């Protein structure tokens, strides 16, 4: 598993212009889903998901981290 840095609700990635954020969204009554967002030079250049499992989302984020040479992957939880 890649290096995941967990962000609290008030934290932001260290490099706010170039990063990968894996977001877990809790949807009441429907469970959880995950999205992966890649930010390069302050622009979202890729958004993937929703994924139904954390493993799928981590695999996607890992591939994008290698492709865009971004490290670490940030992990954030949100409530819908």
N, C-alpha and C. Protein backbone atom coordinates (compact mmCIF):
# COMPACT_ATOMS: atom_id res chain seq x y z
N UNK A 1 0.86 -1.18 0.00
CA UNK A 1 0.00 0.00 0.00
C UNK A 1 0.90 1.24 0.00
N UNK A 2 0.55 2.24 -0.79
CA UNK A 2 1.36 3.46 -0.83
C UNK A 2 1.24 4.24 0.48
N UNK A 3 2.07 5.23 0.59
CA UNK A 3 2.07 6.09 1.77
C UNK A 3 0.86 7.03 1.70
N UNK A 4 -0.09 6.82 2.62
CA UNK A 4 -1.28 7.68 2.69
C UNK A 4 -1.15 8.62 3.88
N UNK A 5 -1.30 9.90 3.64
CA UNK A 5 -1.30 10.89 4.71
C UNK A 5 -2.74 11.30 4.98
N UNK A 6 -3.21 11.02 6.16
CA UNK A 6 -4.59 11.33 6.53
C UNK A 6 -4.71 12.81 6.87
N UNK A 7 -5.70 13.45 6.26
CA UNK A 7 -5.97 14.86 6.53
C UNK A 7 -7.20 14.96 7.42
N UNK A 8 -7.13 15.79 8.43
CA UNK A 8 -8.32 16.08 9.22
C UNK A 8 -9.15 17.10 8.45
N UNK A 9 -10.35 17.36 8.91
CA UNK A 9 -11.25 18.24 8.16
C UNK A 9 -10.70 19.65 7.97
N UNK A 10 -9.81 20.11 8.84
CA UNK A 10 -9.28 21.47 8.71
C UNK A 10 -7.88 21.51 8.08
N UNK A 11 -7.34 20.37 7.67
CA UNK A 11 -6.01 20.33 7.06
C UNK A 11 -6.09 20.36 5.54
N UNK A 12 -5.01 20.83 4.94
CA UNK A 12 -4.87 20.85 3.49
C UNK A 12 -3.56 20.15 3.13
N UNK A 13 -3.44 19.62 1.91
CA UNK A 13 -2.17 19.03 1.49
C UNK A 13 -1.04 20.04 1.60
N UNK A 14 0.15 19.55 1.87
CA UNK A 14 1.32 20.43 2.01
C UNK A 14 1.52 21.26 0.74
N UNK A 15 1.52 20.61 -0.42
CA UNK A 15 1.61 21.32 -1.70
C UNK A 15 0.19 21.41 -2.24
N UNK A 16 -0.44 22.55 -2.12
CA UNK A 16 -1.84 22.70 -2.50
C UNK A 16 -2.04 22.79 -4.00
N UNK A 17 -0.97 22.96 -4.78
CA UNK A 17 -1.09 23.06 -6.24
C UNK A 17 -0.83 21.74 -6.95
N UNK A 18 -0.10 20.82 -6.34
CA UNK A 18 0.28 19.57 -6.97
C UNK A 18 0.11 18.44 -5.96
N UNK A 19 -0.98 17.68 -6.10
CA UNK A 19 -1.22 16.61 -5.14
C UNK A 19 -2.25 15.63 -5.66
N UNK A 20 -2.37 14.53 -4.93
CA UNK A 20 -3.41 13.53 -5.17
C UNK A 20 -4.16 13.36 -3.86
N UNK A 21 -5.49 13.50 -3.95
CA UNK A 21 -6.32 13.32 -2.75
C UNK A 21 -7.33 12.21 -3.02
N UNK A 22 -7.30 11.22 -2.16
CA UNK A 22 -8.29 10.14 -2.17
C UNK A 22 -9.32 10.53 -1.12
N UNK A 23 -10.57 10.67 -1.53
CA UNK A 23 -11.62 11.12 -0.62
C UNK A 23 -12.62 10.00 -0.37
N UNK A 24 -12.87 9.74 0.90
CA UNK A 24 -13.90 8.78 1.30
C UNK A 24 -15.14 9.59 1.66
N UNK A 25 -16.25 9.32 0.98
CA UNK A 25 -17.49 10.04 1.24
C UNK A 25 -18.49 9.07 1.85
N UNK A 26 -18.98 9.42 3.02
CA UNK A 26 -19.99 8.61 3.70
C UNK A 26 -21.35 9.13 3.27
N UNK A 27 -22.13 8.28 2.63
CA UNK A 27 -23.47 8.65 2.17
C UNK A 27 -24.48 7.92 3.04
N UNK A 28 -25.17 8.64 3.93
CA UNK A 28 -26.13 8.00 4.82
C UNK A 28 -27.12 7.11 4.07
N UNK A 29 -27.25 5.89 4.53
CA UNK A 29 -28.18 4.95 3.91
C UNK A 29 -27.65 4.27 2.68
N UNK A 30 -26.51 4.73 2.16
CA UNK A 30 -25.96 4.13 0.93
C UNK A 30 -24.54 3.62 1.12
N UNK A 31 -23.94 3.85 2.26
CA UNK A 31 -22.58 3.38 2.49
C UNK A 31 -21.53 4.40 2.09
N UNK A 32 -20.36 3.88 1.74
CA UNK A 32 -19.23 4.75 1.41
C UNK A 32 -18.85 4.61 -0.06
N UNK A 33 -18.31 5.67 -0.60
CA UNK A 33 -17.69 5.62 -1.92
C UNK A 33 -16.45 6.49 -1.89
N UNK A 34 -15.58 6.27 -2.87
CA UNK A 34 -14.27 6.92 -2.88
C UNK A 34 -14.04 7.58 -4.23
N UNK A 35 -13.38 8.73 -4.21
CA UNK A 35 -12.96 9.40 -5.43
C UNK A 35 -11.48 9.75 -5.31
N UNK A 36 -10.83 9.89 -6.46
CA UNK A 36 -9.43 10.26 -6.51
C UNK A 36 -9.32 11.50 -7.39
N UNK A 37 -8.70 12.54 -6.85
CA UNK A 37 -8.52 13.79 -7.59
C UNK A 37 -7.04 14.10 -7.71
N UNK A 38 -6.59 14.38 -8.94
CA UNK A 38 -5.20 14.76 -9.19
C UNK A 38 -5.17 16.24 -9.53
N UNK A 39 -4.37 16.99 -8.79
CA UNK A 39 -4.21 18.43 -9.00
C UNK A 39 -2.79 18.71 -9.47
N UNK A 40 -2.64 19.37 -10.62
CA UNK A 40 -1.33 19.76 -11.14
C UNK A 40 -1.39 21.23 -11.48
N UNK A 41 -0.46 21.98 -10.95
CA UNK A 41 -0.41 23.44 -11.15
C UNK A 41 -1.74 24.10 -10.79
N UNK A 42 -2.39 23.58 -9.73
CA UNK A 42 -3.62 24.17 -9.22
C UNK A 42 -4.87 23.80 -9.99
N UNK A 43 -4.75 22.93 -11.00
CA UNK A 43 -5.90 22.53 -11.81
C UNK A 43 -6.17 21.05 -11.65
N UNK A 44 -7.43 20.70 -11.44
CA UNK A 44 -7.79 19.28 -11.38
C UNK A 44 -7.70 18.71 -12.79
N UNK A 45 -6.72 17.84 -13.00
CA UNK A 45 -6.52 17.28 -14.34
C UNK A 45 -7.11 15.88 -14.47
N UNK A 46 -7.45 15.27 -13.34
CA UNK A 46 -8.07 13.94 -13.38
C UNK A 46 -8.92 13.75 -12.13
N UNK A 47 -10.13 13.26 -12.34
CA UNK A 47 -11.01 12.88 -11.23
C UNK A 47 -11.54 11.49 -11.57
N UNK A 48 -11.32 10.54 -10.68
CA UNK A 48 -11.73 9.16 -10.93
C UNK A 48 -12.69 8.71 -9.84
N UNK A 49 -13.62 7.86 -10.23
CA UNK A 49 -14.56 7.30 -9.28
C UNK A 49 -15.97 7.62 -9.71
N UNK A 50 -16.93 7.26 -8.90
CA UNK A 50 -16.75 6.74 -7.56
C UNK A 50 -16.34 5.26 -7.57
N UNK A 51 -15.53 4.91 -6.58
CA UNK A 51 -15.13 3.53 -6.35
C UNK A 51 -15.89 3.03 -5.13
N UNK A 52 -16.25 1.77 -5.14
CA UNK A 52 -17.02 1.21 -4.03
C UNK A 52 -16.15 0.66 -2.92
N UNK A 53 -14.85 0.41 -3.23
CA UNK A 53 -13.95 -0.11 -2.20
C UNK A 53 -12.72 0.77 -2.09
N UNK A 54 -12.16 0.80 -0.89
CA UNK A 54 -10.94 1.56 -0.67
C UNK A 54 -9.80 0.97 -1.49
N UNK A 55 -9.76 -0.34 -1.62
CA UNK A 55 -8.69 -0.99 -2.38
C UNK A 55 -8.67 -0.52 -3.84
N UNK A 56 -9.84 -0.43 -4.48
CA UNK A 56 -9.92 0.06 -5.86
C UNK A 56 -9.40 1.50 -5.95
N UNK A 57 -9.81 2.33 -5.00
CA UNK A 57 -9.41 3.73 -5.01
C UNK A 57 -7.91 3.87 -4.78
N UNK A 58 -7.35 3.08 -3.86
CA UNK A 58 -5.91 3.12 -3.60
C UNK A 58 -5.14 2.67 -4.83
N UNK A 59 -5.61 1.63 -5.51
CA UNK A 59 -4.94 1.18 -6.74
C UNK A 59 -4.93 2.28 -7.78
N UNK A 60 -6.07 2.96 -7.95
CA UNK A 60 -6.16 4.07 -8.91
C UNK A 60 -5.23 5.22 -8.51
N UNK A 61 -5.26 5.59 -7.24
CA UNK A 61 -4.41 6.69 -6.76
C UNK A 61 -2.94 6.34 -6.92
N UNK A 62 -2.57 5.09 -6.65
CA UNK A 62 -1.17 4.66 -6.78
C UNK A 62 -0.69 4.77 -8.23
N UNK A 63 -1.53 4.33 -9.15
CA UNK A 63 -1.18 4.43 -10.57
C UNK A 63 -1.02 5.87 -11.00
N UNK A 64 -1.90 6.73 -10.55
CA UNK A 64 -1.81 8.15 -10.91
C UNK A 64 -0.61 8.81 -10.23
N UNK A 65 -0.29 8.41 -9.02
CA UNK A 65 0.88 8.95 -8.33
C UNK A 65 2.15 8.63 -9.11
N UNK A 66 2.24 7.39 -9.60
CA UNK A 66 3.42 7.02 -10.41
C UNK A 66 3.44 7.80 -11.73
N UNK A 67 2.29 7.88 -12.39
CA UNK A 67 2.20 8.55 -13.68
C UNK A 67 2.57 10.03 -13.60
N UNK A 68 2.03 10.71 -12.60
CA UNK A 68 2.26 12.15 -12.46
C UNK A 68 3.41 12.49 -11.53
N UNK A 69 4.07 11.44 -10.99
CA UNK A 69 5.21 11.61 -10.09
C UNK A 69 4.86 12.50 -8.91
N UNK A 70 3.74 12.18 -8.25
CA UNK A 70 3.30 12.92 -7.07
C UNK A 70 3.31 12.00 -5.86
N UNK A 71 3.82 12.49 -4.77
CA UNK A 71 3.89 11.71 -3.54
C UNK A 71 3.86 12.69 -2.38
N UNK A 72 3.17 12.44 -1.32
CA UNK A 72 2.37 11.27 -0.98
C UNK A 72 0.95 11.40 -1.52
N UNK A 73 0.14 10.39 -1.24
CA UNK A 73 -1.28 10.43 -1.53
C UNK A 73 -1.97 10.88 -0.23
N UNK A 74 -2.82 11.87 -0.34
CA UNK A 74 -3.55 12.36 0.82
C UNK A 74 -4.91 11.67 0.90
N UNK A 75 -5.36 11.41 2.12
CA UNK A 75 -6.63 10.73 2.35
C UNK A 75 -7.50 11.62 3.21
N UNK A 76 -8.74 11.86 2.75
CA UNK A 76 -9.67 12.74 3.47
C UNK A 76 -11.02 12.03 3.59
N UNK A 77 -11.67 12.21 4.74
CA UNK A 77 -13.02 11.68 4.96
C UNK A 77 -14.02 12.83 4.96
N UNK A 78 -15.13 12.60 4.29
CA UNK A 78 -16.20 13.61 4.25
C UNK A 78 -17.53 12.94 4.53
N UNK A 79 -18.43 13.69 5.10
CA UNK A 79 -19.79 13.23 5.36
C UNK A 79 -20.72 13.93 4.39
N UNK A 80 -21.56 13.19 3.71
CA UNK A 80 -22.49 13.79 2.74
C UNK A 80 -23.77 14.20 3.41
